[in-house]
Amino acid sequence: MMQAVFDFCSKADPKNDKRFDQKARALLGNRNDHDRDDSQNDVEFKRGYQIMESLLDKVRKADAVKGCAEFL
């Protein structure tokens, strides 16, 4: 679910994309591409990601940018 939040924030505030990526790595672990790909193919990962994605899609752009800024 947290990966969905960081991906959402990267889209909502693209100028801070690298900072969101750094924050995600700090909180979720600095996994290599292979490990990341394996976890993203997991059924539970996909389910959690889709749930968060559907909820975040309802957030207004201005609110998203403001909320995401608080992560940084």
N, C-alpha and C. Protein backbone atom coordinates (compact mmCIF):
# COMPACT_ATOMS: atom_id res chain seq x y z
N MET A 1 0.81 -1.19 0.00
CA MET A 1 0.00 0.00 0.00
C MET A 1 0.86 1.26 0.00
N MET A 2 1.95 1.23 0.76
CA MET A 2 2.82 2.40 0.80
C MET A 2 3.45 2.67 -0.56
N GLN A 3 3.76 1.64 -1.30
CA GLN A 3 4.34 1.84 -2.63
C GLN A 3 3.34 2.59 -3.51
N ALA A 4 2.07 2.28 -3.38
CA ALA A 4 1.03 2.98 -4.15
C ALA A 4 0.99 4.46 -3.78
N VAL A 5 1.17 4.76 -2.50
CA VAL A 5 1.17 6.15 -2.04
C VAL A 5 2.36 6.89 -2.64
N PHE A 6 3.54 6.29 -2.60
CA PHE A 6 4.71 6.96 -3.15
C PHE A 6 4.60 7.12 -4.67
N ASP A 7 4.06 6.14 -5.35
CA ASP A 7 3.86 6.26 -6.79
C ASP A 7 2.86 7.37 -7.11
N PHE A 8 1.80 7.44 -6.33
CA PHE A 8 0.80 8.49 -6.49
C PHE A 8 1.42 9.86 -6.29
N CYS A 9 2.22 10.00 -5.25
CA CYS A 9 2.86 11.29 -4.97
C CYS A 9 3.83 11.68 -6.08
N SER A 10 4.52 10.72 -6.64
CA SER A 10 5.44 11.01 -7.75
C SER A 10 4.68 11.55 -8.96
N LYS A 11 3.49 11.04 -9.17
CA LYS A 11 2.66 11.53 -10.29
C LYS A 11 2.03 12.88 -9.97
N ALA A 12 1.61 13.06 -8.73
CA ALA A 12 0.95 14.30 -8.33
C ALA A 12 1.92 15.47 -8.27
N ASP A 13 3.17 15.19 -7.93
CA ASP A 13 4.19 16.23 -7.76
C ASP A 13 5.48 15.76 -8.43
N PRO A 14 5.51 15.72 -9.77
CA PRO A 14 6.64 15.13 -10.49
C PRO A 14 7.98 15.81 -10.24
N LYS A 15 7.97 17.07 -9.86
CA LYS A 15 9.25 17.73 -9.61
C LYS A 15 9.98 17.14 -8.40
N ASN A 16 9.26 16.45 -7.55
CA ASN A 16 9.86 15.81 -6.38
C ASN A 16 9.93 14.29 -6.51
N ASP A 17 9.83 13.80 -7.73
CA ASP A 17 9.83 12.36 -7.98
C ASP A 17 11.02 11.66 -7.33
N LYS A 18 12.20 12.20 -7.49
CA LYS A 18 13.40 11.56 -6.92
C LYS A 18 13.36 11.56 -5.40
N ARG A 19 12.82 12.60 -4.83
CA ARG A 19 12.73 12.65 -3.36
C ARG A 19 11.74 11.62 -2.84
N PHE A 20 10.62 11.42 -3.56
CA PHE A 20 9.66 10.39 -3.16
C PHE A 20 10.28 9.00 -3.28
N ASP A 21 11.07 8.80 -4.33
CA ASP A 21 11.75 7.52 -4.51
C ASP A 21 12.73 7.27 -3.37
N GLN A 22 13.48 8.28 -2.98
CA GLN A 22 14.42 8.14 -1.86
C GLN A 22 13.68 7.83 -0.57
N LYS A 23 12.57 8.51 -0.35
CA LYS A 23 11.79 8.28 0.87
C LYS A 23 11.21 6.86 0.88
N ALA A 24 10.74 6.41 -0.28
CA ALA A 24 10.20 5.05 -0.38
C ALA A 24 11.28 4.03 -0.07
N ARG A 25 12.46 4.23 -0.63
CA ARG A 25 13.56 3.30 -0.36
C ARG A 25 13.94 3.29 1.11
N ALA A 26 13.92 4.46 1.74
CA ALA A 26 14.25 4.55 3.16
C ALA A 26 13.22 3.82 4.02
N LEU A 27 11.96 3.95 3.67
CA LEU A 27 10.90 3.34 4.48
C LEU A 27 10.61 1.88 4.12
N LEU A 28 10.72 1.57 2.83
CA LEU A 28 10.33 0.23 2.37
C LEU A 28 11.52 -0.68 2.14
N GLY A 29 12.71 -0.13 2.24
CA GLY A 29 13.91 -0.93 2.01
C GLY A 29 14.46 -0.70 0.63
N ASN A 30 15.74 -0.78 0.52
CA ASN A 30 16.43 -0.54 -0.74
C ASN A 30 16.58 -1.87 -1.47
N ARG A 31 15.48 -2.36 -2.00
CA ARG A 31 15.48 -3.66 -2.67
C ARG A 31 16.03 -3.53 -4.09
N ASN A 32 16.62 -4.59 -4.57
CA ASN A 32 17.10 -4.56 -5.96
C ASN A 32 15.91 -4.77 -6.90
N ASP A 33 16.13 -4.56 -8.18
CA ASP A 33 15.05 -4.65 -9.16
C ASP A 33 14.38 -6.02 -9.17
N HIS A 34 15.17 -7.08 -9.01
CA HIS A 34 14.63 -8.44 -9.02
C HIS A 34 13.67 -8.65 -7.85
N ASP A 35 14.08 -8.26 -6.65
CA ASP A 35 13.22 -8.40 -5.48
C ASP A 35 11.96 -7.56 -5.61
N ARG A 36 12.10 -6.35 -6.13
CA ARG A 36 10.96 -5.47 -6.32
C ARG A 36 9.97 -6.08 -7.32
N ASP A 37 10.49 -6.63 -8.41
CA ASP A 37 9.63 -7.26 -9.41
C ASP A 37 8.89 -8.46 -8.82
N ASP A 38 9.60 -9.27 -8.00
CA ASP A 38 8.97 -10.44 -7.37
C ASP A 38 7.82 -10.02 -6.46
N SER A 39 8.05 -9.00 -5.64
CA SER A 39 7.00 -8.60 -4.70
C SER A 39 5.82 -7.98 -5.43
N GLN A 40 6.08 -7.27 -6.53
CA GLN A 40 4.99 -6.63 -7.26
C GLN A 40 4.14 -7.64 -8.03
N ASN A 41 4.63 -8.82 -8.21
CA ASN A 41 3.85 -9.88 -8.85
C ASN A 41 3.04 -10.68 -7.83
N ASP A 42 3.26 -10.43 -6.55
CA ASP A 42 2.54 -11.11 -5.48
C ASP A 42 1.07 -10.67 -5.47
N VAL A 43 0.17 -11.61 -5.27
CA VAL A 43 -1.27 -11.33 -5.29
C VAL A 43 -1.65 -10.32 -4.21
N GLU A 44 -1.12 -10.48 -3.01
CA GLU A 44 -1.45 -9.57 -1.92
C GLU A 44 -0.93 -8.16 -2.20
N PHE A 45 0.26 -8.06 -2.78
CA PHE A 45 0.81 -6.76 -3.15
C PHE A 45 -0.13 -6.08 -4.14
N LYS A 46 -0.52 -6.80 -5.17
CA LYS A 46 -1.40 -6.23 -6.20
C LYS A 46 -2.73 -5.78 -5.61
N ARG A 47 -3.28 -6.57 -4.73
CA ARG A 47 -4.56 -6.24 -4.11
C ARG A 47 -4.45 -4.96 -3.29
N GLY A 48 -3.45 -4.89 -2.43
CA GLY A 48 -3.24 -3.69 -1.62
C GLY A 48 -2.97 -2.46 -2.46
N TYR A 49 -2.17 -2.64 -3.49
CA TYR A 49 -1.83 -1.54 -4.38
C TYR A 49 -3.09 -1.01 -5.08
N GLN A 50 -3.92 -1.91 -5.58
CA GLN A 50 -5.14 -1.52 -6.28
C GLN A 50 -6.12 -0.82 -5.36
N ILE A 51 -6.22 -1.28 -4.13
CA ILE A 51 -7.11 -0.64 -3.15
C ILE A 51 -6.66 0.80 -2.91
N MET A 52 -5.38 0.98 -2.64
CA MET A 52 -4.86 2.32 -2.39
C MET A 52 -4.98 3.20 -3.62
N GLU A 53 -4.70 2.65 -4.77
CA GLU A 53 -4.78 3.40 -6.01
C GLU A 53 -6.20 3.91 -6.25
N SER A 54 -7.19 3.07 -6.00
CA SER A 54 -8.58 3.48 -6.21
C SER A 54 -9.00 4.57 -5.22
N LEU A 55 -8.50 4.50 -4.01
CA LEU A 55 -8.80 5.54 -3.02
C LEU A 55 -8.10 6.85 -3.36
N LEU A 56 -6.84 6.75 -3.75
CA LEU A 56 -6.07 7.95 -4.04
C LEU A 56 -6.54 8.65 -5.31
N ASP A 57 -7.13 7.92 -6.23
CA ASP A 57 -7.64 8.53 -7.46
C ASP A 57 -8.75 9.54 -7.18
N LYS A 58 -9.34 9.46 -6.01
CA LYS A 58 -10.44 10.36 -5.65
C LYS A 58 -9.96 11.66 -5.00
N VAL A 59 -8.66 11.76 -4.73
CA VAL A 59 -8.10 12.94 -4.08
C VAL A 59 -7.90 14.05 -5.10
N ARG A 60 -8.31 15.27 -4.72
CA ARG A 60 -8.11 16.41 -5.61
C ARG A 60 -6.63 16.70 -5.75
N LYS A 61 -6.24 17.19 -6.92
CA LYS A 61 -4.83 17.46 -7.24
C LYS A 61 -4.18 18.36 -6.19
N ALA A 62 -4.82 19.47 -5.83
CA ALA A 62 -4.24 20.39 -4.86
C ALA A 62 -4.04 19.72 -3.50
N ASP A 63 -5.00 18.92 -3.09
CA ASP A 63 -4.89 18.20 -1.82
C ASP A 63 -3.79 17.15 -1.89
N ALA A 64 -3.65 16.52 -3.06
CA ALA A 64 -2.62 15.50 -3.22
C ALA A 64 -1.22 16.11 -3.09
N VAL A 65 -1.01 17.21 -3.77
CA VAL A 65 0.30 17.87 -3.71
C VAL A 65 0.61 18.30 -2.28
N LYS A 66 -0.37 18.87 -1.61
CA LYS A 66 -0.16 19.31 -0.23
C LYS A 66 0.13 18.12 0.70
N GLY A 67 -0.67 17.08 0.58
CA GLY A 67 -0.47 15.90 1.43
C GLY A 67 0.85 15.21 1.15
N CYS A 68 1.22 15.12 -0.11
CA CYS A 68 2.47 14.48 -0.46
C CYS A 68 3.68 15.28 0.01
N ALA A 69 3.54 16.60 0.02
CA ALA A 69 4.63 17.46 0.51
C ALA A 69 4.94 17.16 1.97
N GLU A 70 3.94 16.76 2.71
CA GLU A 70 4.13 16.44 4.13
C GLU A 70 5.01 15.18 4.30
N PHE A 71 5.02 14.30 3.32
CA PHE A 71 5.90 13.13 3.37
C PHE A 71 7.35 13.55 3.35
N LEU A 72 7.62 14.59 2.60
CA LEU A 72 9.00 15.01 2.42
C LEU A 72 9.45 15.86 3.58
